[in-house]
Amino acid sequence: MRTNKPPGLLSPAGLTKLVAHAAMGVAMGLLFALALILIHPSGIVFLYGDGANADGIVAMGALVLSFAIGTTLTGAIFMMTEEDKS
């Protein structure tokens, strides 16, 4: 008897889930970057600067990208472990 298994990572539903995880990571990264800009803890203000040069934008972009990659990989791991349990 065949059971219904959840779709794998390479199916359209799996890719949609991964894109959703990436979007959540971008949103969390943007919120974290905004919090760092608004709170002004010591040292972070120098990272962002006054916005006149591109170094601050690159640093915040790297922060957002790291959140997006992290949540996408975490989502992929969760999906693979869900697959193994069913």
PDB file of N, CA and C in Angstrom:
ATOM      1  N   MET A   1       0.838  -1.172   0.000  1.00  0.00           N
ATOM      2  CA  MET A   1       0.000   0.000   0.000  1.00  0.00           C
ATOM      3  C   MET A   1       0.886   1.240   0.000  1.00  0.00           C
ATOM      4  N   ARG A   2       0.598   2.147  -0.870  1.00  0.00           N
ATOM      5  CA  ARG A   2       1.381   3.361  -1.017  1.00  0.00           C
ATOM      6  C   ARG A   2       0.815   4.470  -0.139  1.00  0.00           C
ATOM      7  N   THR A   3       1.696   5.161   0.580  1.00  0.00           N
ATOM      8  CA  THR A   3       1.252   6.294   1.397  1.00  0.00           C
ATOM      9  C   THR A   3       1.601   7.586   0.679  1.00  0.00           C
ATOM     10  N   ASN A   4       0.851   8.617   0.986  1.00  0.00           N
ATOM     11  CA  ASN A   4       1.148   9.924   0.407  1.00  0.00           C
ATOM     12  C   ASN A   4       2.325  10.538   1.138  1.00  0.00           C
ATOM     13  N   LYS A   5       3.409  10.747   0.413  1.00  0.00           N
ATOM     14  CA  LYS A   5       4.593  11.372   0.997  1.00  0.00           C
ATOM     15  C   LYS A   5       4.589  12.843   0.654  1.00  0.00           C
ATOM     16  N   PRO A   6       5.140  13.677   1.522  1.00  0.00           N
ATOM     17  CA  PRO A   6       5.246  15.088   1.177  1.00  0.00           C
ATOM     18  C   PRO A   6       6.203  15.263   0.001  1.00  0.00           C
ATOM     19  N   PRO A   7       5.981  16.272  -0.827  1.00  0.00           N
ATOM     20  CA  PRO A   7       6.842  16.457  -1.996  1.00  0.00           C
ATOM     21  C   PRO A   7       8.275  16.780  -1.590  1.00  0.00           C
ATOM     22  N   GLY A   8       9.203  16.398  -2.433  1.00  0.00           N
ATOM     23  CA  GLY A   8      10.611  16.640  -2.161  1.00  0.00           C
ATOM     24  C   GLY A   8      11.015  18.076  -2.436  1.00  0.00           C
ATOM     25  N   LEU A   9      12.311  18.331  -2.298  1.00  0.00           N
ATOM     26  CA  LEU A   9      12.822  19.693  -2.499  1.00  0.00           C
ATOM     27  C   LEU A   9      12.755  20.128  -3.950  1.00  0.00           C
ATOM     28  N   LEU A  10      12.843  19.188  -4.885  1.00  0.00           N
ATOM     29  CA  LEU A  10      12.900  19.556  -6.293  1.00  0.00           C
ATOM     30  C   LEU A  10      11.535  19.628  -6.968  1.00  0.00           C
ATOM     31  N   SER A  11      10.482  19.427  -6.224  1.00  0.00           N
ATOM     32  CA  SER A  11       9.138  19.549  -6.796  1.00  0.00           C
ATOM     33  C   SER A  11       8.704  21.016  -6.752  1.00  0.00           C
ATOM     34  N   PRO A  12       7.683  21.386  -7.508  1.00  0.00           N
ATOM     35  CA  PRO A  12       7.213  22.778  -7.457  1.00  0.00           C
ATOM     36  C   PRO A  12       6.768  23.211  -6.062  1.00  0.00           C
ATOM     37  N   ALA A  13       6.136  22.316  -5.333  1.00  0.00           N
ATOM     38  CA  ALA A  13       5.710  22.663  -3.970  1.00  0.00           C
ATOM     39  C   ALA A  13       6.920  22.845  -3.053  1.00  0.00           C
ATOM     40  N   GLY A  14       7.936  22.016  -3.228  1.00  0.00           N
ATOM     41  CA  GLY A  14       9.143  22.147  -2.410  1.00  0.00           C
ATOM     42  C   GLY A  14       9.890  23.440  -2.705  1.00  0.00           C
ATOM     43  N   LEU A  15       9.976  23.796  -3.982  1.00  0.00           N
ATOM     44  CA  LEU A  15      10.641  25.048  -4.334  1.00  0.00           C
ATOM     45  C   LEU A  15       9.863  26.253  -3.831  1.00  0.00           C
ATOM     46  N   THR A  16       8.545  26.156  -3.840  1.00  0.00           N
ATOM     47  CA  THR A  16       7.724  27.239  -3.304  1.00  0.00           C
ATOM     48  C   THR A  16       7.982  27.417  -1.812  1.00  0.00           C
ATOM     49  N   LYS A  17       8.104  26.302  -1.099  1.00  0.00           N
ATOM     50  CA  LYS A  17       8.404  26.382   0.333  1.00  0.00           C
ATOM     51  C   LYS A  17       9.777  27.010   0.568  1.00  0.00           C
ATOM     52  N   LEU A  18      10.764  26.641  -0.257  1.00  0.00           N
ATOM     53  CA  LEU A  18      12.098  27.225  -0.093  1.00  0.00           C
ATOM     54  C   LEU A  18      12.093  28.723  -0.381  1.00  0.00           C
ATOM     55  N   VAL A  19      11.338  29.143  -1.396  1.00  0.00           N
ATOM     56  CA  VAL A  19      11.230  30.571  -1.699  1.00  0.00           C
ATOM     57  C   VAL A  19      10.544  31.303  -0.547  1.00  0.00           C
ATOM     58  N   ALA A  20       9.559  30.677   0.056  1.00  0.00           N
ATOM     59  CA  ALA A  20       8.889  31.281   1.208  1.00  0.00           C
ATOM     60  C   ALA A  20       9.853  31.439   2.380  1.00  0.00           C
ATOM     61  N   HIS A  21      10.693  30.443   2.609  1.00  0.00           N
ATOM     62  CA  HIS A  21      11.691  30.552   3.674  1.00  0.00           C
ATOM     63  C   HIS A  21      12.695  31.657   3.363  1.00  0.00           C
ATOM     64  N   ALA A  22      13.106  31.770   2.114  1.00  0.00           N
ATOM     65  CA  ALA A  22      14.034  32.839   1.731  1.00  0.00           C
ATOM     66  C   ALA A  22      13.396  34.210   1.931  1.00  0.00           C
ATOM     67  N   ALA A  23      12.130  34.345   1.590  1.00  0.00           N
ATOM     68  CA  ALA A  23      11.433  35.629   1.775  1.00  0.00           C
ATOM     69  C   ALA A  23      11.320  35.981   3.254  1.00  0.00           C
ATOM     70  N   MET A  24      11.066  34.969   4.084  1.00  0.00           N
ATOM     71  CA  MET A  24      11.023  35.228   5.523  1.00  0.00           C
ATOM     72  C   MET A  24      12.389  35.670   6.033  1.00  0.00           C
ATOM     73  N   GLY A  25      13.446  35.070   5.510  1.00  0.00           N
ATOM     74  CA  GLY A  25      14.795  35.463   5.920  1.00  0.00           C
ATOM     75  C   GLY A  25      15.133  36.883   5.512  1.00  0.00           C
ATOM     76  N   VAL A  26      14.726  37.270   4.307  1.00  0.00           N
ATOM     77  CA  VAL A  26      14.962  38.652   3.867  1.00  0.00           C
ATOM     78  C   VAL A  26      14.199  39.617   4.759  1.00  0.00           C
ATOM     79  N   ALA A  27      12.963  39.287   5.091  1.00  0.00           N
ATOM     80  CA  ALA A  27      12.171  40.158   5.958  1.00  0.00           C
ATOM     81  C   ALA A  27      12.798  40.276   7.348  1.00  0.00           C
ATOM     82  N   MET A  28      13.248  39.147   7.905  1.00  0.00           N
ATOM     83  CA  MET A  28      13.888  39.202   9.229  1.00  0.00           C
ATOM     84  C   MET A  28      15.195  39.982   9.168  1.00  0.00           C
ATOM     85  N   GLY A  29      15.965  39.789   8.096  1.00  0.00           N
ATOM     86  CA  GLY A  29      17.216  40.527   7.953  1.00  0.00           C
ATOM     87  C   GLY A  29      16.997  42.021   7.828  1.00  0.00           C
ATOM     88  N   LEU A  30      15.983  42.408   7.071  1.00  0.00           N
ATOM     89  CA  LEU A  30      15.669  43.834   6.935  1.00  0.00           C
ATOM     90  C   LEU A  30      15.224  44.433   8.263  1.00  0.00           C
ATOM     91  N   LEU A  31      14.405  43.701   9.013  1.00  0.00           N
ATOM     92  CA  LEU A  31      13.981  44.201  10.322  1.00  0.00           C
ATOM     93  C   LEU A  31      15.168  44.316  11.276  1.00  0.00           C
ATOM     94  N   PHE A  32      16.065  43.342  11.251  1.00  0.00           N
ATOM     95  CA  PHE A  32      17.239  43.398  12.118  1.00  0.00           C
ATOM     96  C   PHE A  32      18.149  44.559  11.727  1.00  0.00           C
ATOM     97  N   ALA A  33      18.343  44.765  10.418  1.00  0.00           N
ATOM     98  CA  ALA A  33      19.166  45.880   9.959  1.00  0.00           C
ATOM     99  C   ALA A  33      18.535  47.212  10.350  1.00  0.00           C
ATOM    100  N   LEU A  34      17.216  47.327  10.228  1.00  0.00           N
ATOM    101  CA  LEU A  34      16.531  48.551  10.634  1.00  0.00           C
ATOM    102  C   LEU A  34      16.680  48.783  12.129  1.00  0.00           C
ATOM    103  N   ALA A  35      16.580  47.716  12.913  1.00  0.00           N
ATOM    104  CA  ALA A  35      16.756  47.851  14.362  1.00  0.00           C
ATOM    105  C   ALA A  35      18.173  48.306  14.689  1.00  0.00           C
ATOM    106  N   LEU A  36      19.168  47.783  13.976  1.00  0.00           N
ATOM    107  CA  LEU A  36      20.540  48.219  14.229  1.00  0.00           C
ATOM    108  C   LEU A  36      20.742  49.688  13.879  1.00  0.00           C
ATOM    109  N   ILE A  37      20.087  50.131  12.829  1.00  0.00           N
ATOM    110  CA  ILE A  37      20.221  51.531  12.433  1.00  0.00           C
ATOM    111  C   ILE A  37      19.533  52.443  13.447  1.00  0.00           C
ATOM    112  N   LEU A  38      18.375  52.050  13.940  1.00  0.00           N
ATOM    113  CA  LEU A  38      17.599  52.913  14.824  1.00  0.00           C
ATOM    114  C   LEU A  38      18.080  52.896  16.269  1.00  0.00           C
ATOM    115  N   ILE A  39      18.618  51.788  16.740  1.00  0.00           N
ATOM    116  CA  ILE A  39      18.999  51.677  18.153  1.00  0.00           C
ATOM    117  C   ILE A  39      20.316  52.397  18.437  1.00  0.00           C
ATOM    118  N   HIS A  40      21.229  52.444  17.493  1.00  0.00           N
ATOM    119  CA  HIS A  40      22.541  53.089  17.624  1.00  0.00           C
ATOM    120  C   HIS A  40      23.403  52.526  18.753  1.00  0.00           C
ATOM    121  N   PRO A  41      23.595  51.205  18.820  1.00  0.00           N
ATOM    122  CA  PRO A  41      24.566  50.714  19.799  1.00  0.00           C
ATOM    123  C   PRO A  41      25.971  51.121  19.370  1.00  0.00           C
ATOM    124  N   SER A  42      26.875  51.177  20.313  1.00  0.00           N
ATOM    125  CA  SER A  42      28.218  51.662  19.984  1.00  0.00           C
ATOM    126  C   SER A  42      28.878  50.735  18.971  1.00  0.00           C
ATOM    127  N   GLY A  43      29.526  51.305  17.981  1.00  0.00           N
ATOM    128  CA  GLY A  43      30.228  50.556  16.963  1.00  0.00           C
ATOM    129  C   GLY A  43      29.396  50.276  15.727  1.00  0.00           C
ATOM    130  N   ILE A  44      28.098  50.101  15.885  1.00  0.00           N
ATOM    131  CA  ILE A  44      27.249  49.805  14.734  1.00  0.00           C
ATOM    132  C   ILE A  44      27.014  51.069  13.918  1.00  0.00           C
ATOM    133  N   VAL A  45      26.980  52.215  14.575  1.00  0.00           N
ATOM    134  CA  VAL A  45      26.774  53.468  13.859  1.00  0.00           C
ATOM    135  C   VAL A  45      27.925  53.701  12.892  1.00  0.00           C
ATOM    136  N   PHE A  46      29.129  53.336  13.293  1.00  0.00           N
ATOM    137  CA  PHE A  46      30.277  53.509  12.409  1.00  0.00           C
ATOM    138  C   PHE A  46      30.212  52.537  11.229  1.00  0.00           C
ATOM    139  N   LEU A  47      29.587  51.385  11.442  1.00  0.00           N
ATOM    140  CA  LEU A  47      29.418  50.421  10.360  1.00  0.00           C
ATOM    141  C   LEU A  47      28.506  50.980   9.282  1.00  0.00           C
ATOM    142  N   TYR A  48      27.421  51.612   9.702  1.00  0.00           N
ATOM    143  CA  TYR A  48      26.467  52.144   8.735  1.00  0.00           C
ATOM    144  C   TYR A  48      26.894  53.523   8.243  1.00  0.00           C
ATOM    145  N   GLY A  49      27.425  54.326   9.142  1.00  0.00           N
ATOM    146  CA  GLY A  49      27.874  55.662   8.754  1.00  0.00           C
ATOM    147  C   GLY A  49      26.716  56.601   8.498  1.00  0.00           C
ATOM    148  N   ASP A  50      26.987  57.626   7.697  1.00  0.00           N
ATOM    149  CA  ASP A  50      25.955  58.618   7.408  1.00  0.00           C
ATOM    150  C   ASP A  50      25.259  58.353   6.079  1.00  0.00           C
ATOM    151  N   GLY A  51      25.600  57.280   5.410  1.00  0.00           N
ATOM    152  CA  GLY A  51      24.968  56.935   4.151  1.00  0.00           C
ATOM    153  C   GLY A  51      25.620  57.567   2.946  1.00  0.00           C
ATOM    154  N   ALA A  52      26.704  58.311   3.146  1.00  0.00           N
ATOM    155  CA  ALA A  52      27.358  58.998   2.034  1.00  0.00           C
ATOM    156  C   ALA A  52      28.141  58.025   1.159  1.00  0.00           C
ATOM    157  N   ASN A  53      28.678  56.964   1.752  1.00  0.00           N
ATOM    158  CA  ASN A  53      29.426  55.992   0.938  1.00  0.00           C
ATOM    159  C   ASN A  53      28.677  54.667   0.891  1.00  0.00           C
ATOM    160  N   ALA A  54      29.122  53.803   0.037  1.00  0.00           N
ATOM    161  CA  ALA A  54      28.420  52.536  -0.187  1.00  0.00           C
ATOM    162  C   ALA A  54      28.814  51.456   0.810  1.00  0.00           C
ATOM    163  N   ASP A  55      29.770  51.709   1.685  1.00  0.00           N
ATOM    164  CA  ASP A  55      30.201  50.677   2.626  1.00  0.00           C
ATOM    165  C   ASP A  55      29.078  50.244   3.565  1.00  0.00           C
ATOM    166  N   GLY A  56      28.298  51.190   4.038  1.00  0.00           N
ATOM    167  CA  GLY A  56      27.194  50.852   4.936  1.00  0.00           C
ATOM    168  C   GLY A  56      26.119  50.048   4.239  1.00  0.00           C
ATOM    169  N   ILE A  57      25.855  50.403   2.985  1.00  0.00           N
ATOM    170  CA  ILE A  57      24.836  49.683   2.231  1.00  0.00           C
ATOM    171  C   ILE A  57      25.290  48.251   1.970  1.00  0.00           C
ATOM    172  N   VAL A  58      26.564  48.069   1.663  1.00  0.00           N
ATOM    173  CA  VAL A  58      27.103  46.728   1.424  1.00  0.00           C
ATOM    174  C   VAL A  58      27.052  45.907   2.710  1.00  0.00           C
ATOM    175  N   ALA A  59      27.377  46.522   3.839  1.00  0.00           N
ATOM    176  CA  ALA A  59      27.345  45.809   5.117  1.00  0.00           C
ATOM    177  C   ALA A  59      25.924  45.378   5.470  1.00  0.00           C
ATOM    178  N   MET A  60      24.969  46.263   5.292  1.00  0.00           N
ATOM    179  CA  MET A  60      23.582  45.902   5.590  1.00  0.00           C
ATOM    180  C   MET A  60      23.061  44.863   4.589  1.00  0.00           C
ATOM    181  N   GLY A  61      23.473  44.958   3.330  1.00  0.00           N
ATOM    182  CA  GLY A  61      23.090  43.957   2.342  1.00  0.00           C
ATOM    183  C   GLY A  61      23.644  42.588   2.691  1.00  0.00           C
ATOM    184  N   ALA A  62      24.890  42.556   3.179  1.00  0.00           N
ATOM    185  CA  ALA A  62      25.482  41.282   3.601  1.00  0.00           C
ATOM    186  C   ALA A  62      24.744  40.706   4.800  1.00  0.00           C
ATOM    187  N   LEU A  63      24.295  41.567   5.692  1.00  0.00           N
ATOM    188  CA  LEU A  63      23.528  41.117   6.849  1.00  0.00           C
ATOM    189  C   LEU A  63      22.205  40.499   6.407  1.00  0.00           C
ATOM    190  N   VAL A  64      21.500  41.183   5.508  1.00  0.00           N
ATOM    191  CA  VAL A  64      20.219  40.675   5.011  1.00  0.00           C
ATOM    192  C   VAL A  64      20.430  39.377   4.235  1.00  0.00           C
ATOM    193  N   LEU A  65      21.471  39.318   3.413  1.00  0.00           N
ATOM    194  CA  LEU A  65      21.745  38.120   2.630  1.00  0.00           C
ATOM    195  C   LEU A  65      22.084  36.938   3.535  1.00  0.00           C
ATOM    196  N   SER A  66      22.808  37.180   4.622  1.00  0.00           N
ATOM    197  CA  SER A  66      23.135  36.077   5.529  1.00  0.00           C
ATOM    198  C   SER A  66      21.885  35.542   6.215  1.00  0.00           C
ATOM    199  N   PHE A  67      20.947  36.421   6.576  1.00  0.00           N
ATOM    200  CA  PHE A  67      19.680  35.958   7.137  1.00  0.00           C
ATOM    201  C   PHE A  67      18.914  35.132   6.111  1.00  0.00           C
ATOM    202  N   ALA A  68      18.870  35.595   4.860  1.00  0.00           N
ATOM    203  CA  ALA A  68      18.123  34.889   3.816  1.00  0.00           C
ATOM    204  C   ALA A  68      18.717  33.510   3.544  1.00  0.00           C
ATOM    205  N   ILE A  69      20.021  33.430   3.444  1.00  0.00           N
ATOM    206  CA  ILE A  69      20.669  32.136   3.196  1.00  0.00           C
ATOM    207  C   ILE A  69      20.474  31.200   4.385  1.00  0.00           C
ATOM    208  N   GLY A  70      20.593  31.730   5.581  1.00  0.00           N
ATOM    209  CA  GLY A  70      20.416  30.906   6.778  1.00  0.00           C
ATOM    210  C   GLY A  70      19.022  30.327   6.896  1.00  0.00           C
ATOM    211  N   THR A  71      18.006  31.144   6.640  1.00  0.00           N
ATOM    212  CA  THR A  71      16.647  30.615   6.751  1.00  0.00           C
ATOM    213  C   THR A  71      16.313  29.661   5.608  1.00  0.00           C
ATOM    214  N   THR A  72      16.884  29.881   4.428  1.00  0.00           N
ATOM    215  CA  THR A  72      16.646  28.955   3.326  1.00  0.00           C
ATOM    216  C   THR A  72      17.265  27.592   3.622  1.00  0.00           C
ATOM    217  N   LEU A  73      18.485  27.583   4.127  1.00  0.00           N
ATOM    218  CA  LEU A  73      19.125  26.314   4.479  1.00  0.00           C
ATOM    219  C   LEU A  73      18.399  25.619   5.624  1.00  0.00           C
ATOM    220  N   THR A  74      17.950  26.406   6.604  1.00  0.00           N
ATOM    221  CA  THR A  74      17.195  25.823   7.707  1.00  0.00           C
ATOM    222  C   THR A  74      15.894  25.221   7.209  1.00  0.00           C
ATOM    223  N   GLY A  75      15.213  25.915   6.300  1.00  0.00           N
ATOM    224  CA  GLY A  75      13.982  25.382   5.725  1.00  0.00           C
ATOM    225  C   GLY A  75      14.224  24.100   4.949  1.00  0.00           C
ATOM    226  N   ALA A  76      15.337  24.053   4.202  1.00  0.00           N
ATOM    227  CA  ALA A  76      15.665  22.836   3.453  1.00  0.00           C
ATOM    228  C   ALA A  76      15.928  21.671   4.402  1.00  0.00           C
ATOM    229  N   ILE A  77      16.616  21.929   5.488  1.00  0.00           N
ATOM    230  CA  ILE A  77      16.882  20.877   6.473  1.00  0.00           C
ATOM    231  C   ILE A  77      15.587  20.394   7.110  1.00  0.00           C
ATOM    232  N   PHE A  78      14.709  21.341   7.470  1.00  0.00           N
ATOM    233  CA  PHE A  78      13.420  20.942   8.042  1.00  0.00           C
ATOM    234  C   PHE A  78      12.615  20.106   7.064  1.00  0.00           C
ATOM    235  N   MET A  79      12.615  20.492   5.793  1.00  0.00           N
ATOM    236  CA  MET A  79      11.861  19.736   4.798  1.00  0.00           C
ATOM    237  C   MET A  79      12.437  18.339   4.601  1.00  0.00           C
ATOM    238  N   MET A  80      13.761  18.197   4.625  1.00  0.00           N
ATOM    239  CA  MET A  80      14.367  16.879   4.468  1.00  0.00           C
ATOM    240  C   MET A  80      14.093  15.983   5.662  1.00  0.00           C
ATOM    241  N   THR A  81      14.088  16.545   6.883  1.00  0.00           N
ATOM    242  CA  THR A  81      13.802  15.723   8.058  1.00  0.00           C
ATOM    243  C   THR A  81      12.326  15.362   8.101  1.00  0.00           C
ATOM    244  N   GLU A  82      11.438  16.236   7.614  1.00  0.00           N
ATOM    245  CA  GLU A  82      10.019  15.885   7.507  1.00  0.00           C
ATOM    246  C   GLU A  82       9.831  14.717   6.561  1.00  0.00           C
ATOM    247  N   GLU A  83      10.585  14.718   5.468  1.00  0.00           N
ATOM    248  CA  GLU A  83      10.507  13.665   4.464  1.00  0.00           C
ATOM    249  C   GLU A  83      10.918  12.317   5.052  1.00  0.00           C
ATOM    250  N   ASP A  84      11.959  12.318   5.884  1.00  0.00           N
ATOM    251  CA  ASP A  84      12.464  11.078   6.443  1.00  0.00           C
ATOM    252  C   ASP A  84      11.487  10.472   7.452  1.00  0.00           C
ATOM    253  N   LYS A  85      10.774  11.299   8.180  1.00  0.00           N
ATOM    254  CA  LYS A  85       9.872  10.807   9.225  1.00  0.00           C
ATOM    255  C   LYS A  85       8.608  10.200   8.645  1.00  0.00           C
ATOM    256  N   SER A  86       8.168  10.630   7.468  1.00  0.00           N
ATOM    257  CA  SER A  86       6.920  10.109   6.925  1.00  0.00           C
ATOM    258  C   SER A  86       7.117   8.877   6.108  1.00  0.00           C
TER     259      SER A  86
END
